[in-house]
Amino acid sequence: MSKMTDRVDNQHIVKLAREQYEQQKRSTLPTVIVPLASAGNVYSKNHILRNGTVEMRYMTAYDEDILTNTSYIKNGVVFEKLLESIITTNVAISDISAADKFGLIIHARILAYGYEYPIRVTNPKTNKQIEQVFDLRKLQFKPFTLIPDDLGEFEYQVNESYKLKFRIPADDAPDDTISEFLKNVITEINGNRNPAEIEQFIRYEFLSMDAKKFRTYLAENRPGLQLDIEFEGEDGDTFKAGFPIGPQLFWF
């Protein structure tokens, strides 16, 4: 029994030593300070990201293995795994808002391969596909003017009877129902932070018309990247198209 315990302990020691070695080697790579789309305003006052920046190192060939991992791609976690590897700020990736993650991915792509990105878009006027080289530096953050409290939360007046507080969700969960989404973002109703009371409000008092107005307000005021990009057509005319963000972003 002791031999088995010794073997497990030795494996643990070897694993720790390997992790420390890898961390030491990675710490020698150059890093940059990257601004967040939210400017840090979606985090609490004492959160490490409240200053609005993240430190990120340059990618290596080893990091490219993450981008080609079929399991990560299939499960939609390839970008999370990449950021987990290259962000040197001591923060959990799950704590970073989805809006900020998109901006960090763009910065990672620029650091890895430069700002030129071959892209194919469809001109809605001619229905023809156009190949262009897009300058990733032209991607801009949306204006974010909401003022947070010390918890990184924001106020919203539902009507004369109700005022709520909400947070910007860390991640989008497309499979959530509307009520589940609301439970995830609403943190307070008229000063009450009891989750059971918030659920009761959503279930029995939050009228659908008011709930829709709130969701629209949240969508219009969320931080993030401006992904409607203006492109030049075949005849010099311009049109707007959505900028795709997926694993292909890192490959030519």
C-alpha atoms as a PDB file:
ATOM      1  CA  MET A   1       0.000   0.000   0.000  1.00  0.00           C
ATOM      2  CA  SER A   2       2.825   2.354   0.827  1.00  0.00           C
ATOM      3  CA  LYS A   3       4.445   1.664  -2.566  1.00  0.00           C
ATOM      4  CA  MET A   4       1.254   2.728  -4.332  1.00  0.00           C
ATOM      5  CA  THR A   5       1.057   5.873  -2.200  1.00  0.00           C
ATOM      6  CA  ASP A   6       4.708   6.645  -2.900  1.00  0.00           C
ATOM      7  CA  ARG A   7       4.085   6.213  -6.644  1.00  0.00           C
ATOM      8  CA  VAL A   8       1.122   8.611  -6.568  1.00  0.00           C
ATOM      9  CA  ASP A   9       3.114  11.153  -4.525  1.00  0.00           C
ATOM     10  CA  ASN A  10       6.022  10.910  -6.952  1.00  0.00           C
ATOM     11  CA  GLN A  11       3.699  11.444  -9.920  1.00  0.00           C
ATOM     12  CA  HIS A  12       2.268  14.508  -8.204  1.00  0.00           C
ATOM     13  CA  ILE A  13       5.762  15.891  -7.552  1.00  0.00           C
ATOM     14  CA  VAL A  14       6.773  15.289 -11.179  1.00  0.00           C
ATOM     15  CA  LYS A  15       3.597  16.998 -12.415  1.00  0.00           C
ATOM     16  CA  LEU A  16       4.209  20.029 -10.199  1.00  0.00           C
ATOM     17  CA  ALA A  17       7.826  20.232 -11.300  1.00  0.00           C
ATOM     18  CA  ARG A  18       6.783  20.081 -14.958  1.00  0.00           C
ATOM     19  CA  GLU A  19       4.181  22.815 -14.462  1.00  0.00           C
ATOM     20  CA  GLN A  20       6.690  25.028 -12.659  1.00  0.00           C
ATOM     21  CA  TYR A  21       9.238  24.465 -15.437  1.00  0.00           C
ATOM     22  CA  GLU A  22       6.703  25.331 -18.148  1.00  0.00           C
ATOM     23  CA  GLN A  23       5.594  28.425 -16.233  1.00  0.00           C
ATOM     24  CA  GLN A  24       9.203  29.537 -15.836  1.00  0.00           C
ATOM     25  CA  LYS A  25       9.947  29.067 -19.545  1.00  0.00           C
ATOM     26  CA  ARG A  26       6.785  30.885 -20.622  1.00  0.00           C
ATOM     27  CA  SER A  27       7.588  33.787 -18.307  1.00  0.00           C
ATOM     28  CA  THR A  28      10.604  34.560 -20.503  1.00  0.00           C
ATOM     29  CA  LEU A  29       8.386  35.247 -23.538  1.00  0.00           C
ATOM     30  CA  PRO A  30       7.586  38.889 -24.340  1.00  0.00           C
ATOM     31  CA  THR A  31       4.218  40.192 -23.190  1.00  0.00           C
ATOM     32  CA  VAL A  32       1.977  43.162 -23.972  1.00  0.00           C
ATOM     33  CA  ILE A  33      -0.712  45.027 -22.065  1.00  0.00           C
ATOM     34  CA  VAL A  34      -4.052  44.680 -23.875  1.00  0.00           C
ATOM     35  CA  PRO A  35      -7.089  46.940 -23.247  1.00  0.00           C
ATOM     36  CA  LEU A  36     -10.466  45.370 -22.492  1.00  0.00           C
ATOM     37  CA  ALA A  37     -13.588  46.211 -24.502  1.00  0.00           C
ATOM     38  CA  SER A  38     -15.428  46.908 -21.246  1.00  0.00           C
ATOM     39  CA  ALA A  39     -12.600  49.101 -19.908  1.00  0.00           C
ATOM     40  CA  GLY A  40     -12.967  46.954 -16.779  1.00  0.00           C
ATOM     41  CA  ASN A  41     -16.356  48.436 -15.912  1.00  0.00           C
ATOM     42  CA  VAL A  42     -18.186  45.098 -15.768  1.00  0.00           C
ATOM     43  CA  TYR A  43     -16.070  43.846 -12.868  1.00  0.00           C
ATOM     44  CA  SER A  44     -16.228  44.592  -9.168  1.00  0.00           C
ATOM     45  CA  LYS A  45     -14.113  47.365  -7.667  1.00  0.00           C
ATOM     46  CA  ASN A  46     -11.581  44.930  -6.201  1.00  0.00           C
ATOM     47  CA  HIS A  47     -11.399  42.631  -9.244  1.00  0.00           C
ATOM     48  CA  ILE A  48      -8.016  42.371 -10.939  1.00  0.00           C
ATOM     49  CA  LEU A  49      -9.598  43.330 -14.292  1.00  0.00           C
ATOM     50  CA  ARG A  50     -11.253  46.520 -13.006  1.00  0.00           C
ATOM     51  CA  ASN A  51      -8.234  48.500 -14.269  1.00  0.00           C
ATOM     52  CA  GLY A  52      -9.354  47.653 -17.810  1.00  0.00           C
ATOM     53  CA  THR A  53      -6.312  45.745 -19.062  1.00  0.00           C
ATOM     54  CA  VAL A  54      -4.909  42.232 -19.343  1.00  0.00           C
ATOM     55  CA  GLU A  55      -1.322  41.113 -19.826  1.00  0.00           C
ATOM     56  CA  MET A  56      -0.863  38.630 -22.651  1.00  0.00           C
ATOM     57  CA  ARG A  57       2.201  36.863 -24.006  1.00  0.00           C
ATOM     58  CA  TYR A  58       3.065  36.098 -27.599  1.00  0.00           C
ATOM     59  CA  MET A  59       1.942  32.738 -28.962  1.00  0.00           C
ATOM     60  CA  THR A  60       4.363  29.913 -29.736  1.00  0.00           C
ATOM     61  CA  ALA A  61       4.116  26.897 -32.041  1.00  0.00           C
ATOM     62  CA  TYR A  62       2.969  24.908 -29.000  1.00  0.00           C
ATOM     63  CA  ASP A  63      -0.044  27.202 -28.655  1.00  0.00           C
ATOM     64  CA  GLU A  64      -0.969  26.489 -32.277  1.00  0.00           C
ATOM     65  CA  ASP A  65      -1.689  22.920 -31.202  1.00  0.00           C
ATOM     66  CA  ILE A  66      -4.597  24.312 -29.191  1.00  0.00           C
ATOM     67  CA  LEU A  67      -6.091  25.908 -32.302  1.00  0.00           C
ATOM     68  CA  THR A  68      -6.024  22.604 -34.192  1.00  0.00           C
ATOM     69  CA  ASN A  69      -7.391  20.473 -31.345  1.00  0.00           C
ATOM     70  CA  THR A  70     -10.543  18.948 -32.842  1.00  0.00           C
ATOM     71  CA  SER A  71     -12.032  18.213 -29.427  1.00  0.00           C
ATOM     72  CA  TYR A  72     -11.688  21.858 -28.362  1.00  0.00           C
ATOM     73  CA  ILE A  73     -13.181  23.041 -31.650  1.00  0.00           C
ATOM     74  CA  LYS A  74     -16.059  20.579 -31.462  1.00  0.00           C
ATOM     75  CA  ASN A  75     -16.911  21.625 -27.904  1.00  0.00           C
ATOM     76  CA  GLY A  76     -16.579  25.335 -28.645  1.00  0.00           C
ATOM     77  CA  VAL A  77     -13.809  25.939 -26.098  1.00  0.00           C
ATOM     78  CA  VAL A  78     -10.828  26.470 -28.396  1.00  0.00           C
ATOM     79  CA  PHE A  79     -10.600  30.219 -27.713  1.00  0.00           C
ATOM     80  CA  GLU A  80     -11.001  29.732 -23.965  1.00  0.00           C
ATOM     81  CA  LYS A  81      -8.152  27.208 -23.988  1.00  0.00           C
ATOM     82  CA  LEU A  82      -5.967  29.540 -26.024  1.00  0.00           C
ATOM     83  CA  LEU A  83      -6.583  32.518 -23.727  1.00  0.00           C
ATOM     84  CA  GLU A  84      -5.963  30.292 -20.708  1.00  0.00           C
ATOM     85  CA  SER A  85      -2.543  29.510 -22.161  1.00  0.00           C
ATOM     86  CA  ILE A  86      -1.392  32.988 -23.227  1.00  0.00           C
ATOM     87  CA  ILE A  87      -2.893  35.345 -20.628  1.00  0.00           C
ATOM     88  CA  THR A  88      -0.344  35.976 -17.890  1.00  0.00           C
ATOM     89  CA  THR A  89      -2.576  38.070 -15.633  1.00  0.00           C
ATOM     90  CA  ASN A  90      -3.666  35.954 -12.677  1.00  0.00           C
ATOM     91  CA  VAL A  91      -7.337  35.646 -13.613  1.00  0.00           C
ATOM     92  CA  ALA A  92      -9.674  32.731 -14.321  1.00  0.00           C
ATOM     93  CA  ILE A  93     -10.839  32.687 -17.937  1.00  0.00           C
ATOM     94  CA  SER A  94     -14.384  32.040 -16.714  1.00  0.00           C
ATOM     95  CA  ASP A  95     -14.272  35.427 -14.970  1.00  0.00           C
ATOM     96  CA  ILE A  96     -13.638  37.317 -18.206  1.00  0.00           C
ATOM     97  CA  SER A  97     -16.785  38.618 -19.896  1.00  0.00           C
ATOM     98  CA  ALA A  98     -17.642  37.275 -23.341  1.00  0.00           C
ATOM     99  CA  ALA A  99     -17.355  40.772 -24.811  1.00  0.00           C
ATOM    100  CA  ASP A 100     -13.800  41.135 -23.490  1.00  0.00           C
ATOM    101  CA  LYS A 101     -12.818  37.677 -24.723  1.00  0.00           C
ATOM    102  CA  PHE A 102     -13.609  38.601 -28.341  1.00  0.00           C
ATOM    103  CA  GLY A 103     -11.328  41.619 -28.136  1.00  0.00           C
ATOM    104  CA  LEU A 104      -8.542  39.557 -26.568  1.00  0.00           C
ATOM    105  CA  ILE A 105      -8.822  36.967 -29.337  1.00  0.00           C
ATOM    106  CA  ILE A 106      -8.350  39.683 -31.957  1.00  0.00           C
ATOM    107  CA  HIS A 107      -5.264  40.965 -30.124  1.00  0.00           C
ATOM    108  CA  ALA A 108      -3.912  37.412 -29.880  1.00  0.00           C
ATOM    109  CA  ARG A 109      -4.358  36.978 -33.642  1.00  0.00           C
ATOM    110  CA  ILE A 110      -2.521  40.246 -34.363  1.00  0.00           C
ATOM    111  CA  LEU A 111       0.335  39.311 -32.030  1.00  0.00           C
ATOM    112  CA  ALA A 112       0.624  35.857 -33.591  1.00  0.00           C
ATOM    113  CA  TYR A 113       0.345  36.547 -37.321  1.00  0.00           C
ATOM    114  CA  GLY A 114       0.034  40.289 -37.852  1.00  0.00           C
ATOM    115  CA  TYR A 115      -2.912  42.543 -38.600  1.00  0.00           C
ATOM    116  CA  GLU A 116      -3.593  41.474 -42.201  1.00  0.00           C
ATOM    117  CA  TYR A 117      -6.458  38.996 -42.418  1.00  0.00           C
ATOM    118  CA  PRO A 118      -7.671  37.502 -45.718  1.00  0.00           C
ATOM    119  CA  ILE A 119     -11.451  37.522 -45.685  1.00  0.00           C
ATOM    120  CA  ARG A 120     -14.233  36.514 -48.053  1.00  0.00           C
ATOM    121  CA  VAL A 121     -17.502  38.436 -47.918  1.00  0.00           C
ATOM    122  CA  THR A 122     -20.649  38.527 -50.041  1.00  0.00           C
ATOM    123  CA  ASN A 123     -21.702  41.806 -51.623  1.00  0.00           C
ATOM    124  CA  PRO A 124     -25.470  41.983 -50.958  1.00  0.00           C
ATOM    125  CA  LYS A 125     -25.964  44.192 -54.031  1.00  0.00           C
ATOM    126  CA  THR A 126     -24.409  41.747 -56.512  1.00  0.00           C
ATOM    127  CA  ASN A 127     -24.568  38.531 -54.443  1.00  0.00           C
ATOM    128  CA  LYS A 128     -20.939  37.913 -55.419  1.00  0.00           C
ATOM    129  CA  GLN A 129     -18.199  36.858 -53.047  1.00  0.00           C
ATOM    130  CA  ILE A 130     -15.262  39.214 -52.727  1.00  0.00           C
ATOM    131  CA  GLU A 131     -11.843  38.339 -51.371  1.00  0.00           C
ATOM    132  CA  GLN A 132     -10.086  41.118 -49.502  1.00  0.00           C
ATOM    133  CA  VAL A 133      -7.299  41.561 -47.001  1.00  0.00           C
ATOM    134  CA  PHE A 134      -8.803  43.173 -43.918  1.00  0.00           C
ATOM    135  CA  ASP A 135      -6.800  45.225 -41.435  1.00  0.00           C
ATOM    136  CA  LEU A 136      -7.694  43.834 -37.993  1.00  0.00           C
ATOM    137  CA  ARG A 137      -6.611  47.100 -36.406  1.00  0.00           C
ATOM    138  CA  LYS A 138      -9.744  48.682 -37.877  1.00  0.00           C
ATOM    139  CA  LEU A 139     -11.955  46.699 -35.525  1.00  0.00           C
ATOM    140  CA  GLN A 140     -13.214  49.087 -32.875  1.00  0.00           C
ATOM    141  CA  PHE A 141     -14.832  48.691 -29.466  1.00  0.00           C
ATOM    142  CA  LYS A 142     -18.464  49.700 -29.092  1.00  0.00           C
ATOM    143  CA  PRO A 143     -18.992  52.805 -26.943  1.00  0.00           C
ATOM    144  CA  PHE A 144     -19.713  51.694 -23.375  1.00  0.00           C
ATOM    145  CA  THR A 145     -21.102  54.465 -21.211  1.00  0.00           C
ATOM    146  CA  LEU A 146     -22.882  52.649 -18.379  1.00  0.00           C
ATOM    147  CA  ILE A 147     -21.539  53.552 -14.944  1.00  0.00           C
ATOM    148  CA  PRO A 148     -20.909  50.589 -12.617  1.00  0.00           C
ATOM    149  CA  ASP A 149     -21.160  50.473  -8.863  1.00  0.00           C
ATOM    150  CA  ASP A 150     -18.465  48.922  -6.673  1.00  0.00           C
ATOM    151  CA  LEU A 151     -19.750  45.441  -7.518  1.00  0.00           C
ATOM    152  CA  GLY A 152     -19.542  46.045 -11.270  1.00  0.00           C
ATOM    153  CA  GLU A 153     -23.350  46.136 -11.514  1.00  0.00           C
ATOM    154  CA  PHE A 154     -25.701  48.603 -13.204  1.00  0.00           C
ATOM    155  CA  GLU A 155     -29.117  50.094 -12.412  1.00  0.00           C
ATOM    156  CA  TYR A 156     -32.217  49.861 -14.588  1.00  0.00           C
ATOM    157  CA  GLN A 157     -35.594  51.443 -13.840  1.00  0.00           C
ATOM    158  CA  VAL A 158     -38.278  48.959 -14.891  1.00  0.00           C
ATOM    159  CA  ASN A 159     -41.211  51.227 -14.030  1.00  0.00           C
ATOM    160  CA  GLU A 160     -42.409  53.406 -11.161  1.00  0.00           C
ATOM    161  CA  SER A 161     -42.603  50.401  -8.872  1.00  0.00           C
ATOM    162  CA  TYR A 162     -39.429  48.468  -9.644  1.00  0.00           C
ATOM    163  CA  LYS A 163     -35.738  49.238  -9.978  1.00  0.00           C
ATOM    164  CA  LEU A 164     -33.329  46.421 -10.619  1.00  0.00           C
ATOM    165  CA  LYS A 165     -29.596  45.923 -10.736  1.00  0.00           C
ATOM    166  CA  PHE A 166     -27.932  43.708 -13.298  1.00  0.00           C
ATOM    167  CA  ARG A 167     -24.518  42.494 -14.344  1.00  0.00           C
ATOM    168  CA  ILE A 168     -23.066  41.922 -17.790  1.00  0.00           C
ATOM    169  CA  PRO A 169     -22.989  38.112 -18.206  1.00  0.00           C
ATOM    170  CA  ALA A 170     -19.540  36.528 -18.358  1.00  0.00           C
ATOM    171  CA  ASP A 171     -20.664  34.143 -21.091  1.00  0.00           C
ATOM    172  CA  ASP A 172     -23.565  33.832 -23.466  1.00  0.00           C
ATOM    173  CA  ALA A 173     -25.622  30.675 -23.015  1.00  0.00           C
ATOM    174  CA  PRO A 174     -27.728  30.356 -26.191  1.00  0.00           C
ATOM    175  CA  ASP A 175     -29.698  27.412 -24.816  1.00  0.00           C
ATOM    176  CA  ASP A 176     -30.950  29.338 -21.791  1.00  0.00           C
ATOM    177  CA  THR A 177     -34.620  30.208 -21.619  1.00  0.00           C
ATOM    178  CA  ILE A 178     -35.514  33.873 -21.247  1.00  0.00           C
ATOM    179  CA  SER A 179     -36.277  33.424 -17.565  1.00  0.00           C
ATOM    180  CA  GLU A 180     -32.975  31.588 -16.976  1.00  0.00           C
ATOM    181  CA  PHE A 181     -31.116  34.393 -18.729  1.00  0.00           C
ATOM    182  CA  LEU A 182     -32.849  36.986 -16.555  1.00  0.00           C
ATOM    183  CA  LYS A 183     -32.019  35.048 -13.385  1.00  0.00           C
ATOM    184  CA  ASN A 184     -28.377  35.014 -14.433  1.00  0.00           C
ATOM    185  CA  VAL A 185     -28.102  38.758 -15.019  1.00  0.00           C
ATOM    186  CA  ILE A 186     -30.482  40.350 -12.482  1.00  0.00           C
ATOM    187  CA  THR A 187     -28.804  40.670  -9.101  1.00  0.00           C
ATOM    188  CA  GLU A 188     -31.210  42.884  -7.167  1.00  0.00           C
ATOM    189  CA  ILE A 189     -34.850  44.020  -7.136  1.00  0.00           C
ATOM    190  CA  ASN A 190     -35.686  47.150  -5.119  1.00  0.00           C
ATOM    191  CA  GLY A 191     -32.672  46.510  -2.896  1.00  0.00           C
ATOM    192  CA  ASN A 192     -33.498  42.817  -2.386  1.00  0.00           C
ATOM    193  CA  ARG A 193     -30.705  40.415  -3.423  1.00  0.00           C
ATOM    194  CA  ASN A 194     -32.404  37.193  -2.355  1.00  0.00           C
ATOM    195  CA  PRO A 195     -32.302  34.835  -5.400  1.00  0.00           C
ATOM    196  CA  ALA A 196     -35.672  33.334  -4.474  1.00  0.00           C
ATOM    197  CA  GLU A 197     -37.270  36.779  -4.391  1.00  0.00           C
ATOM    198  CA  ILE A 198     -35.678  37.689  -7.733  1.00  0.00           C
ATOM    199  CA  GLU A 199     -37.058  34.492  -9.254  1.00  0.00           C
ATOM    200  CA  GLN A 200     -40.518  35.304  -7.884  1.00  0.00           C
ATOM    201  CA  PHE A 201     -40.329  38.744  -9.498  1.00  0.00           C
ATOM    202  CA  ILE A 202     -39.318  37.257 -12.863  1.00  0.00           C
ATOM    203  CA  ARG A 203     -42.003  34.589 -12.696  1.00  0.00           C
ATOM    204  CA  TYR A 204     -44.980  36.610 -11.477  1.00  0.00           C
ATOM    205  CA  GLU A 205     -44.310  40.339 -11.757  1.00  0.00           C
ATOM    206  CA  PHE A 206     -41.882  41.066 -14.600  1.00  0.00           C
ATOM    207  CA  LEU A 207     -44.324  41.703 -17.453  1.00  0.00           C
ATOM    208  CA  SER A 208     -43.170  40.418 -20.848  1.00  0.00           C
ATOM    209  CA  MET A 209     -43.286  43.920 -22.338  1.00  0.00           C
ATOM    210  CA  ASP A 210     -41.009  45.270 -19.598  1.00  0.00           C
ATOM    211  CA  ALA A 211     -38.739  42.219 -19.789  1.00  0.00           C
ATOM    212  CA  LYS A 212     -38.312  42.708 -23.531  1.00  0.00           C
ATOM    213  CA  LYS A 213     -37.427  46.384 -23.048  1.00  0.00           C
ATOM    214  CA  PHE A 214     -34.808  45.377 -20.493  1.00  0.00           C
ATOM    215  CA  ARG A 215     -33.267  42.744 -22.770  1.00  0.00           C
ATOM    216  CA  THR A 216     -33.136  45.278 -25.596  1.00  0.00           C
ATOM    217  CA  TYR A 217     -31.485  47.813 -23.277  1.00  0.00           C
ATOM    218  CA  LEU A 218     -28.913  45.230 -22.215  1.00  0.00           C
ATOM    219  CA  ALA A 219     -28.182  44.202 -25.806  1.00  0.00           C
ATOM    220  CA  GLU A 220     -27.739  47.805 -26.927  1.00  0.00           C
ATOM    221  CA  ASN A 221     -25.458  48.694 -24.027  1.00  0.00           C
ATOM    222  CA  ARG A 222     -23.212  45.646 -23.821  1.00  0.00           C
ATOM    223  CA  PRO A 223     -19.511  46.241 -24.441  1.00  0.00           C
ATOM    224  CA  GLY A 224     -17.804  44.461 -27.286  1.00  0.00           C
ATOM    225  CA  LEU A 225     -16.427  44.790 -30.779  1.00  0.00           C
ATOM    226  CA  GLN A 226     -18.114  46.571 -33.660  1.00  0.00           C
ATOM    227  CA  LEU A 227     -18.553  43.576 -35.964  1.00  0.00           C
ATOM    228  CA  ASP A 228     -20.534  45.292 -38.734  1.00  0.00           C
ATOM    229  CA  ILE A 229     -17.672  46.197 -41.040  1.00  0.00           C
ATOM    230  CA  GLU A 230     -17.744  48.404 -44.125  1.00  0.00           C
ATOM    231  CA  PHE A 231     -16.233  46.781 -47.217  1.00  0.00           C
ATOM    232  CA  GLU A 232     -15.598  48.052 -50.725  1.00  0.00           C
ATOM    233  CA  GLY A 233     -17.462  46.342 -53.565  1.00  0.00           C
ATOM    234  CA  GLU A 234     -16.339  45.505 -57.095  1.00  0.00           C
ATOM    235  CA  ASP A 235     -17.347  48.889 -58.476  1.00  0.00           C
ATOM    236  CA  GLY A 236     -16.026  50.994 -55.627  1.00  0.00           C
ATOM    237  CA  ASP A 237     -19.345  51.021 -53.778  1.00  0.00           C
ATOM    238  CA  THR A 238     -19.421  50.165 -50.093  1.00  0.00           C
ATOM    239  CA  PHE A 239     -21.509  47.745 -48.081  1.00  0.00           C
ATOM    240  CA  LYS A 240     -21.581  46.395 -44.546  1.00  0.00           C
ATOM    241  CA  ALA A 241     -21.140  42.763 -43.561  1.00  0.00           C
ATOM    242  CA  GLY A 242     -20.599  40.897 -40.334  1.00  0.00           C
ATOM    243  CA  PHE A 243     -17.053  40.027 -39.340  1.00  0.00           C
ATOM    244  CA  PRO A 244     -16.725  36.288 -38.612  1.00  0.00           C
ATOM    245  CA  ILE A 245     -14.943  35.213 -35.424  1.00  0.00           C
ATOM    246  CA  GLY A 246     -14.123  31.525 -35.397  1.00  0.00           C
ATOM    247  CA  PRO A 247     -11.120  29.151 -35.379  1.00  0.00           C
ATOM    248  CA  GLN A 248     -10.451  30.113 -39.010  1.00  0.00           C
ATOM    249  CA  LEU A 249      -9.406  33.541 -37.746  1.00  0.00           C
ATOM    250  CA  PHE A 250      -5.955  32.139 -37.031  1.00  0.00           C
ATOM    251  CA  TRP A 251      -5.402  30.449 -40.384  1.00  0.00           C
ATOM    252  CA  PHE A 252      -4.756  31.819 -43.834  1.00  0.00           C
END
